[in-house]
PDB file of N, CA and C in Angstrom:
ATOM      1  N   UNK A   1    -196.478 -53.781   5.262  1.00  0.00           N
ATOM      2  CA  UNK A   1    -196.153 -53.539   6.920  1.00  0.00           C
ATOM      3  C   UNK A   1    -194.807 -54.526   7.236  1.00  0.00           C
ATOM      4  N   UNK A   2    -194.604 -54.834   6.349  1.00  0.00           N
ATOM      5  CA  UNK A   2    -193.025 -55.749   6.576  1.00  0.00           C
ATOM      6  C   UNK A   2    -192.077 -54.414   6.662  1.00  0.00           C
ATOM      7  N   UNK A   3    -192.027 -53.677   5.730  1.00  0.00           N
ATOM      8  CA  UNK A   3    -191.382 -52.356   5.198  1.00  0.00           C
ATOM      9  C   UNK A   3    -191.260 -51.847   6.662  1.00  0.00           C
ATOM     10  N   UNK A   4    -192.165 -51.550   7.268  1.00  0.00           N
ATOM     11  CA  UNK A   4    -192.521 -51.147   8.183  1.00  0.00           C
ATOM     12  C   UNK A   4    -191.881 -51.142   9.818  1.00  0.00           C
ATOM     13  N   UNK A   5    -191.940 -52.458   9.560  1.00  0.00           N
ATOM     14  CA  UNK A   5    -191.648 -53.421  10.756  1.00  0.00           C
ATOM     15  C   UNK A   5    -189.802 -53.135  10.759  1.00  0.00           C
ATOM     16  N   UNK A   6    -189.666 -53.280   9.119  1.00  0.00           N
ATOM     17  CA  UNK A   6    -187.725 -53.494   9.098  1.00  0.00           C
ATOM     18  C   UNK A   6    -187.763 -52.150   9.740  1.00  0.00           C
ATOM     19  N   UNK A   7    -188.506 -51.413   8.962  1.00  0.00           N
ATOM     20  CA  UNK A   7    -187.855 -49.659   9.566  1.00  0.00           C
ATOM     21  C   UNK A   7    -187.572 -49.522  11.339  1.00  0.00           C
ATOM     22  N   UNK A   8    -188.513 -49.564  11.876  1.00  0.00           N
ATOM     23  CA  UNK A   8    -189.056 -49.936  12.994  1.00  0.00           C
ATOM     24  C   UNK A   8    -187.385 -50.592  14.108  1.00  0.00           C
ATOM     25  N   UNK A   9    -187.163 -51.523  13.370  1.00  0.00           N
ATOM     26  CA  UNK A   9    -186.436 -52.487  14.088  1.00  0.00           C
ATOM     27  C   UNK A   9    -184.733 -51.619  13.476  1.00  0.00           C
ATOM     28  N   UNK A  10    -184.653 -51.231  12.588  1.00  0.00           N
ATOM     29  CA  UNK A  10    -183.700 -50.506  11.653  1.00  0.00           C
ATOM     30  C   UNK A  10    -183.277 -49.129  12.739  1.00  0.00           C
ATOM     31  N   UNK A  11    -184.545 -48.389  12.916  1.00  0.00           N
ATOM     32  CA  UNK A  11    -184.587 -47.073  14.115  1.00  0.00           C
ATOM     33  C   UNK A  11    -184.213 -47.443  15.269  1.00  0.00           C
ATOM     34  N   UNK A  12    -184.536 -48.406  16.056  1.00  0.00           N
ATOM     35  CA  UNK A  12    -184.155 -48.951  17.478  1.00  0.00           C
ATOM     36  C   UNK A  12    -182.183 -49.376  17.379  1.00  0.00           C
ATOM     37  N   UNK A  13    -181.994 -49.861  16.286  1.00  0.00           N
ATOM     38  CA  UNK A  13    -180.605 -49.785  16.460  1.00  0.00           C
ATOM     39  C   UNK A  13    -179.452 -48.749  16.124  1.00  0.00           C
ATOM     40  N   UNK A  14    -179.840 -47.963  14.995  1.00  0.00           N
ATOM     41  CA  UNK A  14    -179.951 -46.672  14.772  1.00  0.00           C
ATOM     42  C   UNK A  14    -179.447 -45.501  15.746  1.00  0.00           C
ATOM     43  N   UNK A  15    -180.863 -45.864  16.545  1.00  0.00           N
ATOM     44  CA  UNK A  15    -180.755 -44.644  17.352  1.00  0.00           C
ATOM     45  C   UNK A  15    -179.812 -44.668  18.900  1.00  0.00           C
ATOM     46  N   UNK A  16    -179.687 -46.048  18.634  1.00  0.00           N
ATOM     47  CA  UNK A  16    -178.887 -46.330  20.081  1.00  0.00           C
ATOM     48  C   UNK A  16    -177.620 -46.323  19.722  1.00  0.00           C
ATOM     49  N   UNK A  17    -177.502 -46.352  18.714  1.00  0.00           N
ATOM     50  CA  UNK A  17    -175.754 -46.489  18.158  1.00  0.00           C
ATOM     51  C   UNK A  17    -175.810 -44.468  18.324  1.00  0.00           C
ATOM     52  N   UNK A  18    -176.797 -43.965  17.605  1.00  0.00           N
ATOM     53  CA  UNK A  18    -176.158 -42.547  17.466  1.00  0.00           C
ATOM     54  C   UNK A  18    -176.104 -41.647  18.769  1.00  0.00           C
ATOM     55  N   UNK A  19    -177.326 -41.962  19.464  1.00  0.00           N
ATOM     56  CA  UNK A  19    -177.520 -41.694  21.376  1.00  0.00           C
ATOM     57  C   UNK A  19    -175.642 -41.839  22.020  1.00  0.00           C
ATOM     58  N   UNK A  20    -175.532 -42.989  21.736  1.00  0.00           N
ATOM     59  CA  UNK A  20    -174.410 -43.584  22.585  1.00  0.00           C
ATOM     60  C   UNK A  20    -173.000 -42.933  21.896  1.00  0.00           C
ATOM     61  N   UNK A  21    -173.123 -41.821  20.899  1.00  0.00           N
ATOM     62  CA  UNK A  21    -172.231 -41.045  20.466  1.00  0.00           C
ATOM     63  C   UNK A  21    -172.134 -39.779  20.855  1.00  0.00           C
ATOM     64  N   UNK A  22    -172.992 -39.554  21.324  1.00  0.00           N
ATOM     65  CA  UNK A  22    -173.462 -38.163  22.097  1.00  0.00           C
ATOM     66  C   UNK A  22    -172.531 -37.889  23.640  1.00  0.00           C
ATOM     67  N   UNK A  23    -171.903 -36.644  23.520  1.00  0.00           N
ATOM     68  CA  UNK A  23    -170.865 -36.351  24.735  1.00  0.00           C
ATOM     69  C   UNK A  23    -172.034 -36.149  26.048  1.00  0.00           C
ATOM     70  N   UNK A  24    -173.055 -35.410  25.448  1.00  0.00           N
ATOM     71  CA  UNK A  24    -173.831 -34.975  26.416  1.00  0.00           C
ATOM     72  C   UNK A  24    -175.584 -35.912  26.837  1.00  0.00           C
ATOM     73  N   UNK A  25    -175.697 -35.774  28.295  1.00  0.00           N
ATOM     74  CA  UNK A  25    -176.367 -37.007  28.521  1.00  0.00           C
ATOM     75  C   UNK A  25    -178.036 -36.779  28.271  1.00  0.00           C
ATOM     76  N   UNK A  26    -177.905 -35.238  28.104  1.00  0.00           N
ATOM     77  CA  UNK A  26    -179.844 -35.395  27.433  1.00  0.00           C
ATOM     78  C   UNK A  26    -179.830 -35.304  26.171  1.00  0.00           C
ATOM     79  N   UNK A  27    -178.726 -35.299  25.177  1.00  0.00           N
ATOM     80  CA  UNK A  27    -178.719 -35.992  23.791  1.00  0.00           C
ATOM     81  C   UNK A  27    -179.069 -37.767  23.681  1.00  0.00           C
ATOM     82  N   UNK A  28    -177.927 -37.757  24.793  1.00  0.00           N
ATOM     83  CA  UNK A  28    -177.960 -39.640  25.032  1.00  0.00           C
ATOM     84  C   UNK A  28    -179.534 -39.995  24.559  1.00  0.00           C
ATOM     85  N   UNK A  29    -180.001 -39.091  26.069  1.00  0.00           N
ATOM     86  CA  UNK A  29    -181.323 -39.641  26.172  1.00  0.00           C
ATOM     87  C   UNK A  29    -182.546 -40.093  25.491  1.00  0.00           C
ATOM     88  N   UNK A  30    -182.042 -38.666  25.006  1.00  0.00           N
ATOM     89  CA  UNK A  30    -183.519 -38.434  23.925  1.00  0.00           C
ATOM     90  C   UNK A  30    -182.952 -39.568  22.749  1.00  0.00           C
ATOM     91  N   UNK A  31    -181.949 -39.591  22.055  1.00  0.00           N
ATOM     92  CA  UNK A  31    -182.231 -40.932  21.302  1.00  0.00           C
ATOM     93  C   UNK A  31    -182.128 -42.392  21.634  1.00  0.00           C
ATOM     94  N   UNK A  32    -181.777 -42.371  23.304  1.00  0.00           N
ATOM     95  CA  UNK A  32    -182.397 -43.769  23.467  1.00  0.00           C
ATOM     96  C   UNK A  32    -183.982 -43.441  23.460  1.00  0.00           C
ATOM     97  N   UNK A  33    -184.622 -42.480  23.792  1.00  0.00           N
ATOM     98  CA  UNK A  33    -186.436 -42.586  24.122  1.00  0.00           C
ATOM     99  C   UNK A  33    -187.047 -42.568  22.704  1.00  0.00           C
ATOM    100  N   UNK A  34    -186.249 -42.222  21.366  1.00  0.00           N
ATOM    101  CA  UNK A  34    -186.574 -42.191  20.239  1.00  0.00           C
ATOM    102  C   UNK A  34    -186.625 -43.745  19.865  1.00  0.00           C
ATOM    103  N   UNK A  35    -185.514 -44.521  20.629  1.00  0.00           N
ATOM    104  CA  UNK A  35    -184.890 -45.766  20.597  1.00  0.00           C
ATOM    105  C   UNK A  35    -186.091 -46.784  20.642  1.00  0.00           C
ATOM    106  N   UNK A  36    -186.835 -46.033  22.144  1.00  0.00           N
ATOM    107  CA  UNK A  36    -187.569 -47.040  22.876  1.00  0.00           C
ATOM    108  C   UNK A  36    -189.349 -46.571  21.974  1.00  0.00           C
ATOM    109  N   UNK A  37    -189.170 -45.625  21.536  1.00  0.00           N
ATOM    110  CA  UNK A  37    -190.129 -45.481  20.928  1.00  0.00           C
ATOM    111  C   UNK A  37    -190.585 -46.125  19.677  1.00  0.00           C
ATOM    112  N   UNK A  38    -189.420 -46.348  19.242  1.00  0.00           N
ATOM    113  CA  UNK A  38    -189.524 -47.663  17.515  1.00  0.00           C
ATOM    114  C   UNK A  38    -189.973 -48.990  18.150  1.00  0.00           C
ATOM    115  N   UNK A  39    -189.248 -49.335  19.086  1.00  0.00           N
ATOM    116  CA  UNK A  39    -189.340 -51.120  19.916  1.00  0.00           C
ATOM    117  C   UNK A  39    -191.059 -50.676  20.728  1.00  0.00           C
ATOM    118  N   UNK A  40    -191.607 -49.855  21.008  1.00  0.00           N
ATOM    119  CA  UNK A  40    -193.071 -49.509  21.038  1.00  0.00           C
ATOM    120  C   UNK A  40    -193.715 -49.854  19.433  1.00  0.00           C
ATOM    121  N   UNK A  41    -193.266 -49.133  18.672  1.00  0.00           N
ATOM    122  CA  UNK A  41    -194.263 -49.376  17.236  1.00  0.00           C
ATOM    123  C   UNK A  41    -193.736 -50.672  16.828  1.00  0.00           C
ATOM    124  N   UNK A  42    -192.699 -51.517  16.975  1.00  0.00           N
ATOM    125  CA  UNK A  42    -192.561 -52.620  16.552  1.00  0.00           C
ATOM    126  C   UNK A  42    -193.496 -53.621  17.156  1.00  0.00           C
ATOM    127  N   UNK A  43    -193.658 -53.502  18.513  1.00  0.00           N
ATOM    128  CA  UNK A  43    -195.010 -53.965  18.933  1.00  0.00           C
ATOM    129  C   UNK A  43    -196.128 -54.206  18.941  1.00  0.00           C
ATOM    130  N   UNK A  44    -196.040 -52.734  18.619  1.00  0.00           N
ATOM    131  CA  UNK A  44    -197.488 -53.078  17.837  1.00  0.00           C
ATOM    132  C   UNK A  44    -197.692 -53.233  16.344  1.00  0.00           C
ATOM    133  N   UNK A  45    -197.047 -53.419  15.843  1.00  0.00           N
ATOM    134  CA  UNK A  45    -196.679 -53.996  14.205  1.00  0.00           C
ATOM    135  C   UNK A  45    -196.996 -55.437  14.054  1.00  0.00           C
ATOM    136  N   UNK A  46    -196.398 -55.720  15.632  1.00  0.00           N
ATOM    137  CA  UNK A  46    -196.685 -57.463  15.492  1.00  0.00           C
ATOM    138  C   UNK A  46    -197.971 -58.102  16.405  1.00  0.00           C
ATOM    139  N   UNK A  47    -198.206 -57.287  16.989  1.00  0.00           N
ATOM    140  CA  UNK A  47    -199.898 -57.407  17.733  1.00  0.00           C
ATOM    141  C   UNK A  47    -200.624 -57.689  16.032  1.00  0.00           C
ATOM    142  N   UNK A  48    -200.427 -56.652  15.437  1.00  0.00           N
ATOM    143  CA  UNK A  48    -201.146 -56.609  14.267  1.00  0.00           C
ATOM    144  C   UNK A  48    -200.706 -57.660  13.260  1.00  0.00           C
ATOM    145  N   UNK A  49    -199.552 -57.749  13.022  1.00  0.00           N
ATOM    146  CA  UNK A  49    -199.107 -58.920  12.063  1.00  0.00           C
ATOM    147  C   UNK A  49    -200.222 -60.290  13.030  1.00  0.00           C
ATOM    148  N   UNK A  50    -199.635 -60.303  14.156  1.00  0.00           N
ATOM    149  CA  UNK A  50    -200.854 -61.796  14.802  1.00  0.00           C
ATOM    150  C   UNK A  50    -201.913 -61.444  14.748  1.00  0.00           C
ATOM    151  N   UNK A  51    -202.833 -60.587  15.013  1.00  0.00           N
ATOM    152  CA  UNK A  51    -203.718 -60.455  14.607  1.00  0.00           C
ATOM    153  C   UNK A  51    -204.383 -60.895  13.440  1.00  0.00           C
ATOM    154  N   UNK A  52    -203.676 -60.249  12.223  1.00  0.00           N
ATOM    155  CA  UNK A  52    -204.242 -60.703  10.996  1.00  0.00           C
ATOM    156  C   UNK A  52    -204.056 -61.983  10.275  1.00  0.00           C
ATOM    157  N   UNK A  53    -202.757 -62.712  11.006  1.00  0.00           N
ATOM    158  CA  UNK A  53    -202.546 -63.926  10.930  1.00  0.00           C
ATOM    159  C   UNK A  53    -201.540 -64.543   9.986  1.00  0.00           C
ATOM    160  N   UNK A  54    -200.698 -63.095  10.346  1.00  0.00           N
ATOM    161  CA  UNK A  54    -199.484 -63.051   9.086  1.00  0.00           C
ATOM    162  C   UNK A  54    -198.608 -63.781   9.723  1.00  0.00           C
ATOM    163  N   UNK A  55    -198.469 -64.095  10.905  1.00  0.00           N
ATOM    164  CA  UNK A  55    -197.610 -65.190  11.937  1.00  0.00           C
ATOM    165  C   UNK A  55    -198.315 -65.794  12.947  1.00  0.00           C
ATOM    166  N   UNK A  56    -197.586 -66.396  13.470  1.00  0.00           N
ATOM    167  CA  UNK A  56    -198.386 -67.922  13.900  1.00  0.00           C
ATOM    168  C   UNK A  56    -197.787 -67.352  15.831  1.00  0.00           C
ATOM    169  N   UNK A  57    -199.051 -68.020  16.342  1.00  0.00           N
ATOM    170  CA  UNK A  57    -198.577 -67.648  18.014  1.00  0.00           C
ATOM    171  C   UNK A  57    -197.344 -67.966  18.566  1.00  0.00           C
ATOM    172  N   UNK A  58    -196.323 -69.098  17.990  1.00  0.00           N
ATOM    173  CA  UNK A  58    -195.194 -69.434  18.519  1.00  0.00           C
ATOM    174  C   UNK A  58    -194.570 -68.087  18.053  1.00  0.00           C
ATOM    175  N   UNK A  59    -194.475 -67.836  16.782  1.00  0.00           N
ATOM    176  CA  UNK A  59    -193.255 -66.786  16.065  1.00  0.00           C
ATOM    177  C   UNK A  59    -194.400 -65.688  16.890  1.00  0.00           C
ATOM    178  N   UNK A  60    -195.219 -64.940  17.286  1.00  0.00           N
ATOM    179  CA  UNK A  60    -195.681 -63.716  17.832  1.00  0.00           C
ATOM    180  C   UNK A  60    -194.774 -64.037  19.536  1.00  0.00           C
ATOM    181  N   UNK A  61    -195.155 -65.016  20.195  1.00  0.00           N
ATOM    182  CA  UNK A  61    -194.176 -65.049  21.118  1.00  0.00           C
ATOM    183  C   UNK A  61    -192.703 -64.991  21.414  1.00  0.00           C
ATOM    184  N   UNK A  62    -192.150 -65.341  19.916  1.00  0.00           N
ATOM    185  CA  UNK A  62    -190.450 -64.971  20.469  1.00  0.00           C
ATOM    186  C   UNK A  62    -190.506 -63.836  19.865  1.00  0.00           C
ATOM    187  N   UNK A  63    -191.205 -63.113  19.318  1.00  0.00           N
ATOM    188  CA  UNK A  63    -191.293 -61.622  18.961  1.00  0.00           C
ATOM    189  C   UNK A  63    -191.434 -60.966  20.236  1.00  0.00           C
ATOM    190  N   UNK A  64    -192.505 -61.064  20.899  1.00  0.00           N
ATOM    191  CA  UNK A  64    -192.354 -60.601  22.150  1.00  0.00           C
ATOM    192  C   UNK A  64    -191.290 -60.700  23.151  1.00  0.00           C
ATOM    193  N   UNK A  65    -190.927 -61.640  23.384  1.00  0.00           N
ATOM    194  CA  UNK A  65    -190.009 -62.126  24.401  1.00  0.00           C
ATOM    195  C   UNK A  65    -188.852 -60.773  23.501  1.00  0.00           C
ATOM    196  N   UNK A  66    -188.429 -60.896  22.698  1.00  0.00           N
ATOM    197  CA  UNK A  66    -187.388 -59.981  22.160  1.00  0.00           C
ATOM    198  C   UNK A  66    -187.283 -58.925  22.335  1.00  0.00           C
ATOM    199  N   UNK A  67    -188.558 -58.007  21.740  1.00  0.00           N
ATOM    200  CA  UNK A  67    -188.811 -56.904  21.852  1.00  0.00           C
ATOM    201  C   UNK A  67    -188.748 -56.840  23.575  1.00  0.00           C
ATOM    202  N   UNK A  68    -189.116 -57.331  24.580  1.00  0.00           N
ATOM    203  CA  UNK A  68    -188.734 -57.176  26.112  1.00  0.00           C
ATOM    204  C   UNK A  68    -187.885 -56.970  26.319  1.00  0.00           C
ATOM    205  N   UNK A  69    -187.412 -58.209  26.184  1.00  0.00           N
ATOM    206  CA  UNK A  69    -185.761 -58.262  26.279  1.00  0.00           C
ATOM    207  C   UNK A  69    -184.771 -56.805  26.243  1.00  0.00           C
ATOM    208  N   UNK A  70    -185.255 -56.623  24.889  1.00  0.00           N
ATOM    209  CA  UNK A  70    -183.970 -55.479  24.530  1.00  0.00           C
ATOM    210  C   UNK A  70    -185.574 -54.495  25.045  1.00  0.00           C
ATOM    211  N   UNK A  71    -186.022 -54.081  25.173  1.00  0.00           N
ATOM    212  CA  UNK A  71    -186.959 -53.044  25.413  1.00  0.00           C
ATOM    213  C   UNK A  71    -185.616 -52.842  27.193  1.00  0.00           C
ATOM    214  N   UNK A  72    -185.730 -54.052  28.414  1.00  0.00           N
ATOM    215  CA  UNK A  72    -185.092 -53.922  29.358  1.00  0.00           C
ATOM    216  C   UNK A  72    -183.923 -53.563  29.102  1.00  0.00           C
ATOM    217  N   UNK A  73    -182.994 -54.505  28.646  1.00  0.00           N
ATOM    218  CA  UNK A  73    -181.782 -53.942  27.727  1.00  0.00           C
ATOM    219  C   UNK A  73    -181.260 -52.755  27.888  1.00  0.00           C
ATOM    220  N   UNK A  74    -182.244 -52.114  27.228  1.00  0.00           N
ATOM    221  CA  UNK A  74    -182.531 -50.269  26.998  1.00  0.00           C
ATOM    222  C   UNK A  74    -182.443 -49.859  27.975  1.00  0.00           C
ATOM    223  N   UNK A  75    -183.433 -50.046  28.981  1.00  0.00           N
ATOM    224  CA  UNK A  75    -183.519 -49.536  30.321  1.00  0.00           C
ATOM    225  C   UNK A  75    -182.819 -49.220  30.403  1.00  0.00           C
ATOM    226  N   UNK A  76    -181.870 -50.806  30.925  1.00  0.00           N
ATOM    227  CA  UNK A  76    -180.752 -50.251  32.094  1.00  0.00           C
ATOM    228  C   UNK A  76    -179.680 -49.618  31.499  1.00  0.00           C
ATOM    229  N   UNK A  77    -179.099 -49.643  30.119  1.00  0.00           N
ATOM    230  CA  UNK A  77    -178.361 -49.413  29.306  1.00  0.00           C
ATOM    231  C   UNK A  77    -178.716 -47.482  29.850  1.00  0.00           C
ATOM    232  N   UNK A  78    -179.981 -46.852  29.537  1.00  0.00           N
ATOM    233  CA  UNK A  78    -180.000 -45.663  29.493  1.00  0.00           C
ATOM    234  C   UNK A  78    -179.837 -45.189  30.942  1.00  0.00           C
ATOM    235  N   UNK A  79    -180.194 -46.076  32.119  1.00  0.00           N
ATOM    236  CA  UNK A  79    -180.111 -45.948  33.705  1.00  0.00           C
ATOM    237  C   UNK A  79    -178.584 -45.569  33.847  1.00  0.00           C
ATOM    238  N   UNK A  80    -177.670 -46.504  33.071  1.00  0.00           N
ATOM    239  CA  UNK A  80    -176.339 -46.380  33.474  1.00  0.00           C
ATOM    240  C   UNK A  80    -175.381 -45.074  33.018  1.00  0.00           C
ATOM    241  N   UNK A  81    -176.039 -44.528  32.300  1.00  0.00           N
ATOM    242  CA  UNK A  81    -175.572 -43.098  31.946  1.00  0.00           C
ATOM    243  C   UNK A  81    -175.436 -42.205  32.273  1.00  0.00           C
TER     244      UNK A  81
END
């Protein structure tokens, strides 16, 4: 699970970077949508980790806060393109 969580996080960042390099709006939005999917996947694995007691409630809340903040920023960034 740790490996998958890392891949989600890296994918989120990499897809934003790659999308930002695209000239056409449709191409950019496609990569931003993939980044959003990676963030949702990260949210899912975070919940599983919490339910299985791999992380405590405090760390789970911090992680959710970061996921939600990054999701909000990605949404605002996507709309500005």
